[in-house]
Amino acid sequence: MIKHVVMWKLKDVADGNTKLKNIDLVKDKLLKLKTVIHAIDSLEVGKNFSDSESSYDLVLISTHHDKDALSEYINHPAHKDAASFIGRVVAERKAVDFEF
């Protein structure tokens, strides 16, 4: 099994929206991926509530059967569409993929 973890810090204003609006938009776009990409075994998206300076705004945690399934997820047109929007509104991104 593969776990895919991504964290984002969003820009204060981007794509005509506030950070809070874009956090909600990103979360919605990511959650919808579960319904269209069968290579996702599980998917969680969480909004940060901590005020810590080191905190990120949003996290995605997904699981995939194997590396091929992760690749299928990453290369799926629905994921690429979500990633395109996310790329416009994100200031920083960190990611980890690991087997468990």
PDB file of N, CA and C in Angstrom:
ATOM      1  N   MET A   1       0.843  -1.191   0.000  1.00  0.00           N
ATOM      2  CA  MET A   1       0.000   0.000   0.000  1.00  0.00           C
ATOM      3  C   MET A   1       0.886   1.251   0.000  1.00  0.00           C
ATOM      4  N   ILE A   2       0.365   2.284  -0.633  1.00  0.00           N
ATOM      5  CA  ILE A   2       1.063   3.570  -0.735  1.00  0.00           C
ATOM      6  C   ILE A   2       0.228   4.639  -0.049  1.00  0.00           C
ATOM      7  N   LYS A   3       0.902   5.467   0.722  1.00  0.00           N
ATOM      8  CA  LYS A   3       0.255   6.639   1.306  1.00  0.00           C
ATOM      9  C   LYS A   3       0.864   7.877   0.646  1.00  0.00           C
ATOM     10  N   HIS A   4      -0.009   8.765   0.217  1.00  0.00           N
ATOM     11  CA  HIS A   4       0.372  10.006  -0.473  1.00  0.00           C
ATOM     12  C   HIS A   4      -0.099  11.153   0.419  1.00  0.00           C
ATOM     13  N   VAL A   5       0.842  11.975   0.891  1.00  0.00           N
ATOM     14  CA  VAL A   5       0.531  13.074   1.803  1.00  0.00           C
ATOM     15  C   VAL A   5       1.039  14.374   1.180  1.00  0.00           C
ATOM     16  N   VAL A   6       0.148  15.347   1.056  1.00  0.00           N
ATOM     17  CA  VAL A   6       0.518  16.646   0.490  1.00  0.00           C
ATOM     18  C   VAL A   6      -0.034  17.742   1.399  1.00  0.00           C
ATOM     19  N   MET A   7       0.804  18.755   1.649  1.00  0.00           N
ATOM     20  CA  MET A   7       0.384  19.908   2.453  1.00  0.00           C
ATOM     21  C   MET A   7       0.614  21.173   1.634  1.00  0.00           C
ATOM     22  N   TRP A   8      -0.303  22.123   1.787  1.00  0.00           N
ATOM     23  CA  TRP A   8      -0.207  23.373   1.049  1.00  0.00           C
ATOM     24  C   TRP A   8      -0.379  24.567   1.974  1.00  0.00           C
ATOM     25  N   LYS A   9       0.364  25.650   1.657  1.00  0.00           N
ATOM     26  CA  LYS A   9       0.104  26.986   2.176  1.00  0.00           C
ATOM     27  C   LYS A   9      -0.422  27.771   0.997  1.00  0.00           C
ATOM     28  N   LEU A  10      -1.573  28.383   1.163  1.00  0.00           N
ATOM     29  CA  LEU A  10      -2.189  29.116   0.072  1.00  0.00           C
ATOM     30  C   LEU A  10      -1.843  30.596   0.133  1.00  0.00           C
ATOM     31  N   LYS A  11      -1.903  31.220  -1.041  1.00  0.00           N
ATOM     32  CA  LYS A  11      -1.691  32.663  -1.145  1.00  0.00           C
ATOM     33  C   LYS A  11      -2.858  33.379  -0.460  1.00  0.00           C
ATOM     34  N   ASP A  12      -2.602  34.583   0.047  1.00  0.00           N
ATOM     35  CA  ASP A  12      -3.662  35.349   0.716  1.00  0.00           C
ATOM     36  C   ASP A  12      -4.802  35.681  -0.239  1.00  0.00           C
ATOM     37  N   VAL A  13      -4.464  35.990  -1.484  1.00  0.00           N
ATOM     38  CA  VAL A  13      -5.453  36.260  -2.532  1.00  0.00           C
ATOM     39  C   VAL A  13      -4.927  35.641  -3.813  1.00  0.00           C
ATOM     40  N   ALA A  14      -5.773  34.892  -4.504  1.00  0.00           N
ATOM     41  CA  ALA A  14      -5.366  34.285  -5.776  1.00  0.00           C
ATOM     42  C   ALA A  14      -6.594  33.879  -6.569  1.00  0.00           C
ATOM     43  N   ASP A  15      -6.475  33.956  -7.852  1.00  0.00           N
ATOM     44  CA  ASP A  15      -7.543  33.549  -8.768  1.00  0.00           C
ATOM     45  C   ASP A  15      -8.859  34.268  -8.453  1.00  0.00           C
ATOM     46  N   GLY A  16      -8.735  35.498  -7.933  1.00  0.00           N
ATOM     47  CA  GLY A  16      -9.914  36.300  -7.625  1.00  0.00           C
ATOM     48  C   GLY A  16     -10.600  35.969  -6.315  1.00  0.00           C
ATOM     49  N   ASN A  17      -9.972  35.142  -5.483  1.00  0.00           N
ATOM     50  CA  ASN A  17     -10.590  34.706  -4.218  1.00  0.00           C
ATOM     51  C   ASN A  17      -9.664  34.945  -3.036  1.00  0.00           C
ATOM     52  N   THR A  18     -10.262  35.012  -1.851  1.00  0.00           N
ATOM     53  CA  THR A  18      -9.480  35.061  -0.616  1.00  0.00           C
ATOM     54  C   THR A  18      -8.895  33.684  -0.326  1.00  0.00           C
ATOM     55  N   LYS A  19      -7.947  33.646   0.571  1.00  0.00           N
ATOM     56  CA  LYS A  19      -7.353  32.382   0.982  1.00  0.00           C
ATOM     57  C   LYS A  19      -8.425  31.418   1.507  1.00  0.00           C
ATOM     58  N   LEU A  20      -9.313  31.906   2.366  1.00  0.00           N
ATOM     59  CA  LEU A  20     -10.339  31.031   2.944  1.00  0.00           C
ATOM     60  C   LEU A  20     -11.253  30.442   1.876  1.00  0.00           C
ATOM     61  N   LYS A  21     -11.619  31.238   0.887  1.00  0.00           N
ATOM     62  CA  LYS A  21     -12.460  30.742  -0.209  1.00  0.00           C
ATOM     63  C   LYS A  21     -11.703  29.692  -1.018  1.00  0.00           C
ATOM     64  N   ASN A  22     -10.434  29.946  -1.299  1.00  0.00           N
ATOM     65  CA  ASN A  22      -9.651  28.985  -2.076  1.00  0.00           C
ATOM     66  C   ASN A  22      -9.390  27.693  -1.301  1.00  0.00           C
ATOM     67  N   ILE A  23      -9.243  27.782  -0.001  1.00  0.00           N
ATOM     68  CA  ILE A  23      -9.108  26.567   0.799  1.00  0.00           C
ATOM     69  C   ILE A  23     -10.340  25.687   0.604  1.00  0.00           C
ATOM     70  N   ASP A  24     -11.507  26.293   0.678  1.00  0.00           N
ATOM     71  CA  ASP A  24     -12.750  25.526   0.482  1.00  0.00           C
ATOM     72  C   ASP A  24     -12.849  24.973  -0.934  1.00  0.00           C
ATOM     73  N   LEU A  25     -12.467  25.762  -1.929  1.00  0.00           N
ATOM     74  CA  LEU A  25     -12.520  25.303  -3.316  1.00  0.00           C
ATOM     75  C   LEU A  25     -11.564  24.133  -3.558  1.00  0.00           C
ATOM     76  N   VAL A  26     -10.339  24.249  -3.026  1.00  0.00           N
ATOM     77  CA  VAL A  26      -9.366  23.162  -3.179  1.00  0.00           C
ATOM     78  C   VAL A  26      -9.880  21.902  -2.496  1.00  0.00           C
ATOM     79  N   LYS A  27     -10.384  22.048  -1.286  1.00  0.00           N
ATOM     80  CA  LYS A  27     -10.906  20.887  -0.562  1.00  0.00           C
ATOM     81  C   LYS A  27     -12.010  20.205  -1.363  1.00  0.00           C
ATOM     82  N   ASP A  28     -12.944  20.965  -1.887  1.00  0.00           N
ATOM     83  CA  ASP A  28     -14.039  20.389  -2.672  1.00  0.00           C
ATOM     84  C   ASP A  28     -13.523  19.676  -3.915  1.00  0.00           C
ATOM     85  N   LYS A  29     -12.594  20.299  -4.634  1.00  0.00           N
ATOM     86  CA  LYS A  29     -12.042  19.682  -5.839  1.00  0.00           C
ATOM     87  C   LYS A  29     -11.345  18.358  -5.507  1.00  0.00           C
ATOM     88  N   LEU A  30     -10.605  18.338  -4.418  1.00  0.00           N
ATOM     89  CA  LEU A  30      -9.887  17.116  -4.043  1.00  0.00           C
ATOM     90  C   LEU A  30     -10.845  16.013  -3.606  1.00  0.00           C
ATOM     91  N   LEU A  31     -11.835  16.348  -2.819  1.00  0.00           N
ATOM     92  CA  LEU A  31     -12.785  15.331  -2.356  1.00  0.00           C
ATOM     93  C   LEU A  31     -13.556  14.705  -3.518  1.00  0.00           C
ATOM     94  N   LYS A  32     -13.830  15.475  -4.555  1.00  0.00           N
ATOM     95  CA  LYS A  32     -14.547  14.952  -5.721  1.00  0.00           C
ATOM     96  C   LYS A  32     -13.726  13.917  -6.490  1.00  0.00           C
ATOM     97  N   LEU A  33     -12.403  13.952  -6.341  1.00  0.00           N
ATOM     98  CA  LEU A  33     -11.564  12.995  -7.054  1.00  0.00           C
ATOM     99  C   LEU A  33     -11.882  11.553  -6.668  1.00  0.00           C
ATOM    100  N   LYS A  34     -12.270  11.341  -5.424  1.00  0.00           N
ATOM    101  CA  LYS A  34     -12.584   9.990  -4.945  1.00  0.00           C
ATOM    102  C   LYS A  34     -13.718   9.369  -5.752  1.00  0.00           C
ATOM    103  N   THR A  35     -14.617  10.185  -6.255  1.00  0.00           N
ATOM    104  CA  THR A  35     -15.770   9.651  -6.987  1.00  0.00           C
ATOM    105  C   THR A  35     -15.461   9.347  -8.446  1.00  0.00           C
ATOM    106  N   VAL A  36     -14.332   9.844  -8.969  1.00  0.00           N
ATOM    107  CA  VAL A  36     -14.037   9.644 -10.390  1.00  0.00           C
ATOM    108  C   VAL A  36     -12.748   8.877 -10.679  1.00  0.00           C
ATOM    109  N   ILE A  37     -11.889   8.713  -9.688  1.00  0.00           N
ATOM    110  CA  ILE A  37     -10.619   8.009  -9.914  1.00  0.00           C
ATOM    111  C   ILE A  37     -10.620   6.723  -9.100  1.00  0.00           C
ATOM    112  N   HIS A  38     -10.757   5.593  -9.778  1.00  0.00           N
ATOM    113  CA  HIS A  38     -10.859   4.316  -9.067  1.00  0.00           C
ATOM    114  C   HIS A  38      -9.537   3.876  -8.438  1.00  0.00           C
ATOM    115  N   ALA A  39      -8.427   4.515  -8.791  1.00  0.00           N
ATOM    116  CA  ALA A  39      -7.118   4.160  -8.226  1.00  0.00           C
ATOM    117  C   ALA A  39      -6.924   4.707  -6.813  1.00  0.00           C
ATOM    118  N   ILE A  40      -7.914   5.390  -6.271  1.00  0.00           N
ATOM    119  CA  ILE A  40      -7.871   5.916  -4.901  1.00  0.00           C
ATOM    120  C   ILE A  40      -8.575   4.917  -3.991  1.00  0.00           C
ATOM    121  N   ASP A  41      -7.838   4.400  -2.999  1.00  0.00           N
ATOM    122  CA  ASP A  41      -8.466   3.529  -1.999  1.00  0.00           C
ATOM    123  C   ASP A  41      -9.145   4.350  -0.907  1.00  0.00           C
ATOM    124  N   SER A  42      -8.484   5.414  -0.478  1.00  0.00           N
ATOM    125  CA  SER A  42      -9.085   6.318   0.508  1.00  0.00           C
ATOM    126  C   SER A  42      -8.517   7.707   0.275  1.00  0.00           C
ATOM    127  N   LEU A  43      -9.280   8.715   0.700  1.00  0.00           N
ATOM    128  CA  LEU A  43      -8.849  10.097   0.504  1.00  0.00           C
ATOM    129  C   LEU A  43      -9.448  10.955   1.609  1.00  0.00           C
ATOM    130  N   GLU A  44      -8.581  11.706   2.280  1.00  0.00           N
ATOM    131  CA  GLU A  44      -9.003  12.652   3.314  1.00  0.00           C
ATOM    132  C   GLU A  44      -8.404  14.012   2.996  1.00  0.00           C
ATOM    133  N   VAL A  45      -9.146  15.074   3.258  1.00  0.00           N
ATOM    134  CA  VAL A  45      -8.646  16.434   3.108  1.00  0.00           C
ATOM    135  C   VAL A  45      -8.999  17.180   4.380  1.00  0.00           C
ATOM    136  N   GLY A  46      -7.999  17.821   4.982  1.00  0.00           N
ATOM    137  CA  GLY A  46      -8.247  18.530   6.235  1.00  0.00           C
ATOM    138  C   GLY A  46      -7.768  19.968   6.191  1.00  0.00           C
ATOM    139  N   LYS A  47      -8.611  20.866   6.727  1.00  0.00           N
ATOM    140  CA  LYS A  47      -8.246  22.279   6.868  1.00  0.00           C
ATOM    141  C   LYS A  47      -7.603  22.472   8.238  1.00  0.00           C
ATOM    142  N   ASN A  48      -6.497  23.166   8.255  1.00  0.00           N
ATOM    143  CA  ASN A  48      -5.787  23.437   9.494  1.00  0.00           C
ATOM    144  C   ASN A  48      -6.559  24.418  10.369  1.00  0.00           C
ATOM    145  N   PHE A  49      -6.527  24.197  11.683  1.00  0.00           N
ATOM    146  CA  PHE A  49      -7.136  25.152  12.619  1.00  0.00           C
ATOM    147  C   PHE A  49      -6.103  25.772  13.555  1.00  0.00           C
ATOM    148  N   SER A  50      -4.855  25.373  13.450  1.00  0.00           N
ATOM    149  CA  SER A  50      -3.796  25.877  14.313  1.00  0.00           C
ATOM    150  C   SER A  50      -3.290  27.232  13.831  1.00  0.00           C
ATOM    151  N   ASP A  51      -2.894  28.076  14.763  1.00  0.00           N
ATOM    152  CA  ASP A  51      -2.341  29.389  14.431  1.00  0.00           C
ATOM    153  C   ASP A  51      -0.818  29.371  14.347  1.00  0.00           C
ATOM    154  N   SER A  52      -0.208  28.208  14.458  1.00  0.00           N
ATOM    155  CA  SER A  52       1.239  28.108  14.452  1.00  0.00           C
ATOM    156  C   SER A  52       1.824  28.621  13.139  1.00  0.00           C
ATOM    157  N   GLU A  53       2.915  29.357  13.240  1.00  0.00           N
ATOM    158  CA  GLU A  53       3.569  29.896  12.050  1.00  0.00           C
ATOM    159  C   GLU A  53       4.073  28.790  11.125  1.00  0.00           C
ATOM    160  N   SER A  54       4.369  27.621  11.674  1.00  0.00           N
ATOM    161  CA  SER A  54       4.890  26.514  10.863  1.00  0.00           C
ATOM    162  C   SER A  54       3.784  25.652  10.247  1.00  0.00           C
ATOM    163  N   SER A  55       2.540  25.960  10.555  1.00  0.00           N
ATOM    164  CA  SER A  55       1.420  25.172  10.041  1.00  0.00           C
ATOM    165  C   SER A  55       1.154  25.453   8.569  1.00  0.00           C
ATOM    166  N   TYR A  56       0.644  24.445   7.912  1.00  0.00           N
ATOM    167  CA  TYR A  56       0.162  24.588   6.540  1.00  0.00           C
ATOM    168  C   TYR A  56      -1.363  24.726   6.577  1.00  0.00           C
ATOM    169  N   ASP A  57      -1.949  25.215   5.504  1.00  0.00           N
ATOM    170  CA  ASP A  57      -3.380  25.504   5.487  1.00  0.00           C
ATOM    171  C   ASP A  57      -4.250  24.282   5.236  1.00  0.00           C
ATOM    172  N   LEU A  58      -3.739  23.333   4.457  1.00  0.00           N
ATOM    173  CA  LEU A  58      -4.557  22.225   3.990  1.00  0.00           C
ATOM    174  C   LEU A  58      -3.681  20.999   3.812  1.00  0.00           C
ATOM    175  N   VAL A  59      -4.265  19.826   4.076  1.00  0.00           N
ATOM    176  CA  VAL A  59      -3.528  18.577   3.887  1.00  0.00           C
ATOM    177  C   VAL A  59      -4.410  17.575   3.143  1.00  0.00           C
ATOM    178  N   LEU A  60      -3.777  16.809   2.284  1.00  0.00           N
ATOM    179  CA  LEU A  60      -4.417  15.691   1.587  1.00  0.00           C
ATOM    180  C   LEU A  60      -3.693  14.425   2.012  1.00  0.00           C
ATOM    181  N   ILE A  61      -4.453  13.406   2.393  1.00  0.00           N
ATOM    182  CA  ILE A  61      -3.889  12.086   2.688  1.00  0.00           C
ATOM    183  C   ILE A  61      -4.697  11.081   1.882  1.00  0.00           C
ATOM    184  N   SER A  62      -4.019  10.406   0.952  1.00  0.00           N
ATOM    185  CA  SER A  62      -4.711   9.390   0.157  1.00  0.00           C
ATOM    186  C   SER A  62      -3.919   8.099   0.207  1.00  0.00           C
ATOM    187  N   THR A  63      -4.629   6.990   0.010  1.00  0.00           N
ATOM    188  CA  THR A  63      -3.976   5.689  -0.065  1.00  0.00           C
ATOM    189  C   THR A  63      -4.277   5.066  -1.416  1.00  0.00           C
ATOM    190  N   HIS A  64      -3.303   4.267  -1.870  1.00  0.00           N
ATOM    191  CA  HIS A  64      -3.376   3.631  -3.178  1.00  0.00           C
ATOM    192  C   HIS A  64      -2.793   2.226  -3.051  1.00  0.00           C
ATOM    193  N   HIS A  65      -3.324   1.317  -3.836  1.00  0.00           N
ATOM    194  CA  HIS A  65      -2.936  -0.091  -3.729  1.00  0.00           C
ATOM    195  C   HIS A  65      -1.435  -0.296  -3.951  1.00  0.00           C
ATOM    196  N   ASP A  66      -0.877   0.409  -4.911  1.00  0.00           N
ATOM    197  CA  ASP A  66       0.545   0.263  -5.222  1.00  0.00           C
ATOM    198  C   ASP A  66       1.026   1.506  -5.970  1.00  0.00           C
ATOM    199  N   LYS A  67       2.297   1.492  -6.376  1.00  0.00           N
ATOM    200  CA  LYS A  67       2.869   2.652  -7.062  1.00  0.00           C
ATOM    201  C   LYS A  67       2.183   2.910  -8.400  1.00  0.00           C
ATOM    202  N   ASP A  68       1.758   1.851  -9.082  1.00  0.00           N
ATOM    203  CA  ASP A  68       1.047   2.030 -10.348  1.00  0.00           C
ATOM    204  C   ASP A  68      -0.281   2.757 -10.135  1.00  0.00           C
ATOM    205  N   ALA A  69      -0.978   2.421  -9.068  1.00  0.00           N
ATOM    206  CA  ALA A  69      -2.246   3.101  -8.764  1.00  0.00           C
ATOM    207  C   ALA A  69      -1.997   4.568  -8.426  1.00  0.00           C
ATOM    208  N   LEU A  70      -0.918   4.856  -7.701  1.00  0.00           N
ATOM    209  CA  LEU A  70      -0.577   6.252  -7.404  1.00  0.00           C
ATOM    210  C   LEU A  70      -0.292   7.004  -8.698  1.00  0.00           C
ATOM    211  N   SER A  71       0.444   6.384  -9.589  1.00  0.00           N
ATOM    212  CA  SER A  71       0.744   6.999 -10.878  1.00  0.00           C
ATOM    213  C   SER A  71      -0.536   7.237 -11.686  1.00  0.00           C
ATOM    214  N   GLU A  72      -1.441   6.269 -11.665  1.00  0.00           N
ATOM    215  CA  GLU A  72      -2.723   6.432 -12.359  1.00  0.00           C
ATOM    216  C   GLU A  72      -3.493   7.626 -11.801  1.00  0.00           C
ATOM    217  N   TYR A  73      -3.505   7.751 -10.479  1.00  0.00           N
ATOM    218  CA  TYR A  73      -4.160   8.881  -9.815  1.00  0.00           C
ATOM    219  C   TYR A  73      -3.534  10.209 -10.248  1.00  0.00           C
ATOM    220  N   ILE A  74      -2.222  10.289 -10.189  1.00  0.00           N
ATOM    221  CA  ILE A  74      -1.516  11.533 -10.501  1.00  0.00           C
ATOM    222  C   ILE A  74      -1.721  11.940 -11.957  1.00  0.00           C
ATOM    223  N   ASN A  75      -1.801  10.968 -12.847  1.00  0.00           N
ATOM    224  CA  ASN A  75      -1.921  11.259 -14.275  1.00  0.00           C
ATOM    225  C   ASN A  75      -3.356  11.322 -14.785  1.00  0.00           C
ATOM    226  N   HIS A  76      -4.315  11.098 -13.919  1.00  0.00           N
ATOM    227  CA  HIS A  76      -5.723  11.139 -14.321  1.00  0.00           C
ATOM    228  C   HIS A  76      -6.110  12.578 -14.684  1.00  0.00           C
ATOM    229  N   PRO A  77      -6.888  12.767 -15.743  1.00  0.00           N
ATOM    230  CA  PRO A  77      -7.295  14.122 -16.148  1.00  0.00           C
ATOM    231  C   PRO A  77      -8.003  14.916 -15.041  1.00  0.00           C
ATOM    232  N   ALA A  78      -8.803  14.258 -14.219  1.00  0.00           N
ATOM    233  CA  ALA A  78      -9.491  14.972 -13.124  1.00  0.00           C
ATOM    234  C   ALA A  78      -8.480  15.488 -12.100  1.00  0.00           C
ATOM    235  N   HIS A  79      -7.435  14.698 -11.821  1.00  0.00           N
ATOM    236  CA  HIS A  79      -6.392  15.141 -10.898  1.00  0.00           C
ATOM    237  C   HIS A  79      -5.614  16.295 -11.515  1.00  0.00           C
ATOM    238  N   LYS A  80      -5.290  16.188 -12.784  1.00  0.00           N
ATOM    239  CA  LYS A  80      -4.543  17.257 -13.456  1.00  0.00           C
ATOM    240  C   LYS A  80      -5.341  18.560 -13.461  1.00  0.00           C
ATOM    241  N   ASP A  81      -6.654  18.462 -13.626  1.00  0.00           N
ATOM    242  CA  ASP A  81      -7.506  19.641 -13.590  1.00  0.00           C
ATOM    243  C   ASP A  81      -7.470  20.293 -12.203  1.00  0.00           C
ATOM    244  N   ALA A  82      -7.610  19.480 -11.150  1.00  0.00           N
ATOM    245  CA  ALA A  82      -7.541  20.008  -9.781  1.00  0.00           C
ATOM    246  C   ALA A  82      -6.163  20.597  -9.509  1.00  0.00           C
ATOM    247  N   ALA A  83      -5.116  19.913  -9.949  1.00  0.00           N
ATOM    248  CA  ALA A  83      -3.747  20.379  -9.718  1.00  0.00           C
ATOM    249  C   ALA A  83      -3.480  21.708 -10.419  1.00  0.00           C
ATOM    250  N   SER A  84      -4.104  21.917 -11.559  1.00  0.00           N
ATOM    251  CA  SER A  84      -3.942  23.180 -12.279  1.00  0.00           C
ATOM    252  C   SER A  84      -4.484  24.344 -11.453  1.00  0.00           C
ATOM    253  N   PHE A  85      -5.676  24.165 -10.888  1.00  0.00           N
ATOM    254  CA  PHE A  85      -6.243  25.205 -10.030  1.00  0.00           C
ATOM    255  C   PHE A  85      -5.388  25.397  -8.786  1.00  0.00           C
ATOM    256  N   ILE A  86      -5.009  24.297  -8.157  1.00  0.00           N
ATOM    257  CA  ILE A  86      -4.216  24.375  -6.926  1.00  0.00           C
ATOM    258  C   ILE A  86      -2.908  25.115  -7.186  1.00  0.00           C
ATOM    259  N   GLY A  87      -2.280  24.842  -8.309  1.00  0.00           N
ATOM    260  CA  GLY A  87      -1.027  25.508  -8.646  1.00  0.00           C
ATOM    261  C   GLY A  87      -1.149  27.022  -8.727  1.00  0.00           C
ATOM    262  N   ARG A  88      -2.318  27.510  -9.088  1.00  0.00           N
ATOM    263  CA  ARG A  88      -2.533  28.957  -9.182  1.00  0.00           C
ATOM    264  C   ARG A  88      -2.748  29.618  -7.821  1.00  0.00           C
ATOM    265  N   VAL A  89      -3.204  28.869  -6.833  1.00  0.00           N
ATOM    266  CA  VAL A  89      -3.572  29.482  -5.552  1.00  0.00           C
ATOM    267  C   VAL A  89      -2.614  29.141  -4.412  1.00  0.00           C
ATOM    268  N   VAL A  90      -1.639  28.302  -4.675  1.00  0.00           N
ATOM    269  CA  VAL A  90      -0.733  27.825  -3.630  1.00  0.00           C
ATOM    270  C   VAL A  90       0.577  28.597  -3.608  1.00  0.00           C
ATOM    271  N   ALA A  91       1.026  28.919  -2.405  1.00  0.00           N
ATOM    272  CA  ALA A  91       2.319  29.575  -2.211  1.00  0.00           C
ATOM    273  C   ALA A  91       3.416  28.547  -1.941  1.00  0.00           C
ATOM    274  N   GLU A  92       3.096  27.483  -1.190  1.00  0.00           N
ATOM    275  CA  GLU A  92       4.073  26.438  -0.851  1.00  0.00           C
ATOM    276  C   GLU A  92       3.403  25.076  -0.866  1.00  0.00           C
ATOM    277  N   ARG A  93       4.186  24.056  -1.221  1.00  0.00           N
ATOM    278  CA  ARG A  93       3.686  22.680  -1.259  1.00  0.00           C
ATOM    279  C   ARG A  93       4.769  21.745  -0.743  1.00  0.00           C
ATOM    280  N   LYS A  94       4.374  20.783   0.056  1.00  0.00           N
ATOM    281  CA  LYS A  94       5.257  19.719   0.541  1.00  0.00           C
ATOM    282  C   LYS A  94       4.540  18.397   0.328  1.00  0.00           C
ATOM    283  N   ALA A  95       5.287  17.361  -0.017  1.00  0.00           N
ATOM    284  CA  ALA A  95       4.658  16.061  -0.272  1.00  0.00           C
ATOM    285  C   ALA A  95       5.578  14.932   0.172  1.00  0.00           C
ATOM    286  N   VAL A  96       4.940  13.831   0.570  1.00  0.00           N
ATOM    287  CA  VAL A  96       5.638  12.595   0.916  1.00  0.00           C
ATOM    288  C   VAL A  96       4.805  11.434   0.395  1.00  0.00           C
ATOM    289  N   ASP A  97       5.455  10.474  -0.258  1.00  0.00           N
ATOM    290  CA  ASP A  97       4.825   9.226  -0.671  1.00  0.00           C
ATOM    291  C   ASP A  97       5.616   8.100  -0.018  1.00  0.00           C
ATOM    292  N   PHE A  98       4.903   7.174   0.637  1.00  0.00           N
ATOM    293  CA  PHE A  98       5.622   6.074   1.279  1.00  0.00           C
ATOM    294  C   PHE A  98       4.800   4.797   1.264  1.00  0.00           C
ATOM    295  N   GLU A  99       5.509   3.664   1.368  1.00  0.00           N
ATOM    296  CA  GLU A  99       4.852   2.376   1.430  1.00  0.00           C
ATOM    297  C   GLU A  99       4.606   2.018   2.890  1.00  0.00           C
ATOM    298  N   PHE A 100       3.492   1.361   3.132  1.00  0.00           N
ATOM    299  CA  PHE A 100       3.192   0.921   4.497  1.00  0.00           C
ATOM    300  C   PHE A 100       2.556  -0.432   4.471  1.00  0.00           C
TER     301      PHE A 100
END
